[in-house]
Amino acid sequence: MADSIQSRLAELGIELPTPSTPSANYMPYVRTGSLLFISGQIPMGPNGLEHVGKLGADYDVEKGQAAAKLCAINVLAQAKAGMGDLEAIARLVKVVGFVNSTPDFTEQPKVINGASDFFVEAMGDRGRHSRSAVGVAALPFGVAVEVEAIFEIA
């Protein structure tokens, strides 16, 4: 399939990582009916945690967008683990992005654009989604961003 998610990822130079395993009592993904829910993914890179810091203090919007993109890559890795094949995804329904930010930082939507833009690049029209971008006082391990998603399965 010329317009497959996998071919788009290859064109972008993205190889999905082996998804991380939760260290607590929850599932990284749950499928129910035609929906696949992906638990919040943090910016875990090949060498461990990346993008530890707070937007508005340690990070600017561009660095936050890079963190959000890495979270989105990890979301797709979990989706692939959950489905076995990314082509089983009919569409991305909803993205929720959490941004570790100072009280006066108000550009959470711009930060989460790093994830949203990546999903559309990787998935084409199937990657267009509804979204929330929420500022929070802290995130696990002090990371800058966390992203969760809901997919519709074909």
C-alpha atoms as a PDB file:
ATOM      1  CA  MET A   1       0.000   0.000   0.000  1.00  0.00           C
ATOM      2  CA  ALA A   2       1.717   3.175  -1.229  1.00  0.00           C
ATOM      3  CA  ASP A   3       0.074   5.434   1.345  1.00  0.00           C
ATOM      4  CA  SER A   4       0.474   3.106   4.300  1.00  0.00           C
ATOM      5  CA  ILE A   5       1.387   4.413   7.721  1.00  0.00           C
ATOM      6  CA  GLN A   6       4.526   2.257   7.649  1.00  0.00           C
ATOM      7  CA  SER A   7       5.632   3.742   4.305  1.00  0.00           C
ATOM      8  CA  ARG A   8       4.961   7.264   5.579  1.00  0.00           C
ATOM      9  CA  LEU A   9       7.053   6.528   8.683  1.00  0.00           C
ATOM     10  CA  ALA A  10       9.870   5.238   6.457  1.00  0.00           C
ATOM     11  CA  GLU A  11       9.702   8.423   4.351  1.00  0.00           C
ATOM     12  CA  LEU A  12       9.973  10.443   7.575  1.00  0.00           C
ATOM     13  CA  GLY A  13      12.974   8.363   8.681  1.00  0.00           C
ATOM     14  CA  ILE A  14      11.080   7.107  11.741  1.00  0.00           C
ATOM     15  CA  GLU A  15      11.518   3.581  13.037  1.00  0.00           C
ATOM     16  CA  LEU A  16       9.061   2.800  15.804  1.00  0.00           C
ATOM     17  CA  PRO A  17      10.765   1.721  19.017  1.00  0.00           C
ATOM     18  CA  THR A  18       9.947  -1.344  21.047  1.00  0.00           C
ATOM     19  CA  PRO A  19       7.212   0.005  23.327  1.00  0.00           C
ATOM     20  CA  SER A  20       7.961   0.334  27.012  1.00  0.00           C
ATOM     21  CA  THR A  21       6.275  -1.848  29.603  1.00  0.00           C
ATOM     22  CA  PRO A  22       4.372  -0.138  32.426  1.00  0.00           C
ATOM     23  CA  SER A  23       6.011  -0.240  35.827  1.00  0.00           C
ATOM     24  CA  ALA A  24       2.659   0.042  37.589  1.00  0.00           C
ATOM     25  CA  ASN A  25      -0.661  -1.814  37.617  1.00  0.00           C
ATOM     26  CA  TYR A  26      -2.168  -0.703  34.292  1.00  0.00           C
ATOM     27  CA  MET A  27      -2.162  -1.742  30.636  1.00  0.00           C
ATOM     28  CA  PRO A  28      -0.261   0.236  27.991  1.00  0.00           C
ATOM     29  CA  TYR A  29      -3.241  -0.219  25.658  1.00  0.00           C
ATOM     30  CA  VAL A  30      -6.764  -1.597  25.865  1.00  0.00           C
ATOM     31  CA  ARG A  31      -8.973  -2.582  22.976  1.00  0.00           C
ATOM     32  CA  THR A  32     -12.730  -2.549  23.447  1.00  0.00           C
ATOM     33  CA  GLY A  33     -15.081  -2.893  20.512  1.00  0.00           C
ATOM     34  CA  SER A  34     -13.705  -0.857  17.645  1.00  0.00           C
ATOM     35  CA  LEU A  35     -11.594   1.416  19.869  1.00  0.00           C
ATOM     36  CA  LEU A  36      -7.974   1.143  20.961  1.00  0.00           C
ATOM     37  CA  PHE A  37      -7.033   3.284  23.970  1.00  0.00           C
ATOM     38  CA  ILE A  38      -3.341   4.072  24.413  1.00  0.00           C
ATOM     39  CA  SER A  39      -2.197   5.000  27.919  1.00  0.00           C
ATOM     40  CA  GLY A  40      -0.184   8.182  28.354  1.00  0.00           C
ATOM     41  CA  GLN A  41       3.233   7.985  26.717  1.00  0.00           C
ATOM     42  CA  ILE A  42       6.189  10.007  27.890  1.00  0.00           C
ATOM     43  CA  PRO A  43       9.248  11.074  25.856  1.00  0.00           C
ATOM     44  CA  MET A  44      11.220   7.844  26.178  1.00  0.00           C
ATOM     45  CA  GLY A  45      14.001   7.686  23.626  1.00  0.00           C
ATOM     46  CA  PRO A  46      16.510   4.980  22.731  1.00  0.00           C
ATOM     47  CA  ASN A  47      18.749   6.004  25.625  1.00  0.00           C
ATOM     48  CA  GLY A  48      16.003   6.448  28.224  1.00  0.00           C
ATOM     49  CA  LEU A  49      14.033   9.487  29.303  1.00  0.00           C
ATOM     50  CA  GLU A  50      14.410  12.605  27.222  1.00  0.00           C
ATOM     51  CA  HIS A  51      12.914  16.064  27.611  1.00  0.00           C
ATOM     52  CA  VAL A  52      12.873  16.364  31.399  1.00  0.00           C
ATOM     53  CA  GLY A  53      11.859  19.892  32.333  1.00  0.00           C
ATOM     54  CA  LYS A  54       9.098  22.433  32.593  1.00  0.00           C
ATOM     55  CA  LEU A  55       7.694  24.598  29.800  1.00  0.00           C
ATOM     56  CA  GLY A  56       8.011  28.257  30.661  1.00  0.00           C
ATOM     57  CA  ALA A  57      11.123  27.637  32.781  1.00  0.00           C
ATOM     58  CA  ASP A  58      13.447  25.000  31.278  1.00  0.00           C
ATOM     59  CA  TYR A  59      11.863  24.547  27.857  1.00  0.00           C
ATOM     60  CA  ASP A  60      10.603  26.739  25.042  1.00  0.00           C
ATOM     61  CA  VAL A  61       7.773  25.829  22.657  1.00  0.00           C
ATOM     62  CA  GLU A  62      10.096  24.246  20.050  1.00  0.00           C
ATOM     63  CA  LYS A  63      11.687  21.899  22.598  1.00  0.00           C
ATOM     64  CA  GLY A  64       8.222  21.099  23.926  1.00  0.00           C
ATOM     65  CA  GLN A  65       7.086  20.231  20.407  1.00  0.00           C
ATOM     66  CA  ALA A  66      10.037  17.834  20.054  1.00  0.00           C
ATOM     67  CA  ALA A  67       8.994  16.172  23.319  1.00  0.00           C
ATOM     68  CA  ALA A  68       5.384  15.906  22.104  1.00  0.00           C
ATOM     69  CA  LYS A  69       6.532  14.350  18.819  1.00  0.00           C
ATOM     70  CA  LEU A  70       8.572  11.730  20.680  1.00  0.00           C
ATOM     71  CA  CYS A  71       5.513  10.939  22.816  1.00  0.00           C
ATOM     72  CA  ALA A  72       3.455  10.557  19.630  1.00  0.00           C
ATOM     73  CA  ILE A  73       6.033   8.158  18.176  1.00  0.00           C
ATOM     74  CA  ASN A  74       5.696   6.096  21.358  1.00  0.00           C
ATOM     75  CA  VAL A  75       1.891   6.211  21.040  1.00  0.00           C
ATOM     76  CA  LEU A  76       2.147   4.709  17.546  1.00  0.00           C
ATOM     77  CA  ALA A  77       4.569   2.066  18.844  1.00  0.00           C
ATOM     78  CA  GLN A  78       1.997   1.040  21.468  1.00  0.00           C
ATOM     79  CA  ALA A  79      -0.756   1.046  18.828  1.00  0.00           C
ATOM     80  CA  LYS A  80       1.327  -1.264  16.655  1.00  0.00           C
ATOM     81  CA  ALA A  81       1.898  -3.552  19.658  1.00  0.00           C
ATOM     82  CA  GLY A  82      -1.822  -3.526  20.376  1.00  0.00           C
ATOM     83  CA  MET A  83      -2.923  -4.232  16.810  1.00  0.00           C
ATOM     84  CA  GLY A  84       0.058  -5.978  15.266  1.00  0.00           C
ATOM     85  CA  ASP A  85      -0.416  -3.866  12.135  1.00  0.00           C
ATOM     86  CA  LEU A  86      -0.830  -0.099  11.931  1.00  0.00           C
ATOM     87  CA  GLU A  87      -2.961  -0.501   8.800  1.00  0.00           C
ATOM     88  CA  ALA A  88      -5.742  -1.859  11.040  1.00  0.00           C
ATOM     89  CA  ILE A  89      -6.215   1.716  12.262  1.00  0.00           C
ATOM     90  CA  ALA A  90      -9.219   3.395  10.637  1.00  0.00           C
ATOM     91  CA  ARG A  91      -8.417   6.755  12.223  1.00  0.00           C
ATOM     92  CA  LEU A  92      -7.029   8.591  15.203  1.00  0.00           C
ATOM     93  CA  VAL A  93     -10.063   9.794  17.145  1.00  0.00           C
ATOM     94  CA  LYS A  94      -8.709  11.771  20.105  1.00  0.00           C
ATOM     95  CA  VAL A  95      -5.378  13.008  21.468  1.00  0.00           C
ATOM     96  CA  VAL A  96      -4.866  14.367  24.960  1.00  0.00           C
ATOM     97  CA  GLY A  97      -1.607  16.154  25.642  1.00  0.00           C
ATOM     98  CA  PHE A  98      -0.383  17.101  29.086  1.00  0.00           C
ATOM     99  CA  VAL A  99       2.259  19.824  29.331  1.00  0.00           C
ATOM    100  CA  ASN A 100       4.394  20.236  32.458  1.00  0.00           C
ATOM    101  CA  SER A 101       4.342  24.023  32.642  1.00  0.00           C
ATOM    102  CA  THR A 102       4.728  27.037  34.865  1.00  0.00           C
ATOM    103  CA  PRO A 103       1.508  28.783  35.992  1.00  0.00           C
ATOM    104  CA  ASP A 104       2.055  31.658  33.538  1.00  0.00           C
ATOM    105  CA  PHE A 105       2.789  29.446  30.492  1.00  0.00           C
ATOM    106  CA  THR A 106      -0.222  29.472  28.142  1.00  0.00           C
ATOM    107  CA  GLU A 107       1.061  27.915  24.920  1.00  0.00           C
ATOM    108  CA  GLN A 108       0.141  24.287  25.653  1.00  0.00           C
ATOM    109  CA  PRO A 109      -1.733  23.963  22.320  1.00  0.00           C
ATOM    110  CA  LYS A 110       1.402  25.002  20.392  1.00  0.00           C
ATOM    111  CA  VAL A 111       3.439  22.413  22.304  1.00  0.00           C
ATOM    112  CA  ILE A 112       0.982  19.594  21.553  1.00  0.00           C
ATOM    113  CA  ASN A 113       1.062  20.599  17.874  1.00  0.00           C
ATOM    114  CA  GLY A 114       4.321  18.626  17.860  1.00  0.00           C
ATOM    115  CA  ALA A 115       2.263  15.455  18.384  1.00  0.00           C
ATOM    116  CA  SER A 116      -0.698  16.479  16.208  1.00  0.00           C
ATOM    117  CA  ASP A 117       1.476  17.457  13.255  1.00  0.00           C
ATOM    118  CA  PHE A 118       3.402  14.190  13.513  1.00  0.00           C
ATOM    119  CA  PHE A 119       0.221  12.095  13.565  1.00  0.00           C
ATOM    120  CA  VAL A 120      -1.008  13.778  10.369  1.00  0.00           C
ATOM    121  CA  GLU A 121       2.414  13.391   8.706  1.00  0.00           C
ATOM    122  CA  ALA A 122       2.560   9.707   9.633  1.00  0.00           C
ATOM    123  CA  MET A 123      -1.081   8.794   9.073  1.00  0.00           C
ATOM    124  CA  GLY A 124      -2.389  11.260   6.485  1.00  0.00           C
ATOM    125  CA  ASP A 125      -6.090  12.005   6.827  1.00  0.00           C
ATOM    126  CA  ARG A 126      -6.439   9.064   9.236  1.00  0.00           C
ATOM    127  CA  GLY A 127      -4.303  11.092  11.650  1.00  0.00           C
ATOM    128  CA  ARG A 128      -6.656  14.099  11.873  1.00  0.00           C
ATOM    129  CA  HIS A 129      -8.172  14.059  15.348  1.00  0.00           C
ATOM    130  CA  SER A 130      -9.960  15.886  18.139  1.00  0.00           C
ATOM    131  CA  ARG A 131      -7.677  17.081  20.906  1.00  0.00           C
ATOM    132  CA  SER A 132      -7.146  18.564  24.329  1.00  0.00           C
ATOM    133  CA  ALA A 133      -3.944  20.295  25.453  1.00  0.00           C
ATOM    134  CA  VAL A 134      -3.730  20.660  29.218  1.00  0.00           C
ATOM    135  CA  GLY A 135      -1.179  22.414  31.403  1.00  0.00           C
ATOM    136  CA  VAL A 136      -0.214  20.537  34.570  1.00  0.00           C
ATOM    137  CA  ALA A 137       2.023  21.300  37.544  1.00  0.00           C
ATOM    138  CA  ALA A 138       4.065  18.105  37.187  1.00  0.00           C
ATOM    139  CA  LEU A 139       4.338  14.902  35.155  1.00  0.00           C
ATOM    140  CA  PRO A 140       5.887  11.516  35.942  1.00  0.00           C
ATOM    141  CA  PHE A 141       9.687  11.630  36.237  1.00  0.00           C
ATOM    142  CA  GLY A 142       9.579  15.390  35.606  1.00  0.00           C
ATOM    143  CA  VAL A 143       9.075  14.999  31.838  1.00  0.00           C
ATOM    144  CA  ALA A 144       7.927  17.977  29.807  1.00  0.00           C
ATOM    145  CA  VAL A 145       5.039  16.282  27.965  1.00  0.00           C
ATOM    146  CA  GLU A 146       2.781  13.207  28.073  1.00  0.00           C
ATOM    147  CA  VAL A 147       0.415  12.159  25.270  1.00  0.00           C
ATOM    148  CA  GLU A 148      -2.424   9.621  25.215  1.00  0.00           C
ATOM    149  CA  ALA A 149      -4.666   8.657  22.300  1.00  0.00           C
ATOM    150  CA  ILE A 150      -7.777   6.810  21.173  1.00  0.00           C
ATOM    151  CA  PHE A 151      -7.829   5.044  17.793  1.00  0.00           C
ATOM    152  CA  GLU A 152     -10.718   3.585  15.822  1.00  0.00           C
ATOM    153  CA  ILE A 153      -9.915   0.137  14.476  1.00  0.00           C
ATOM    154  CA  ALA A 154     -11.125  -0.884  11.008  1.00  0.00           C
END
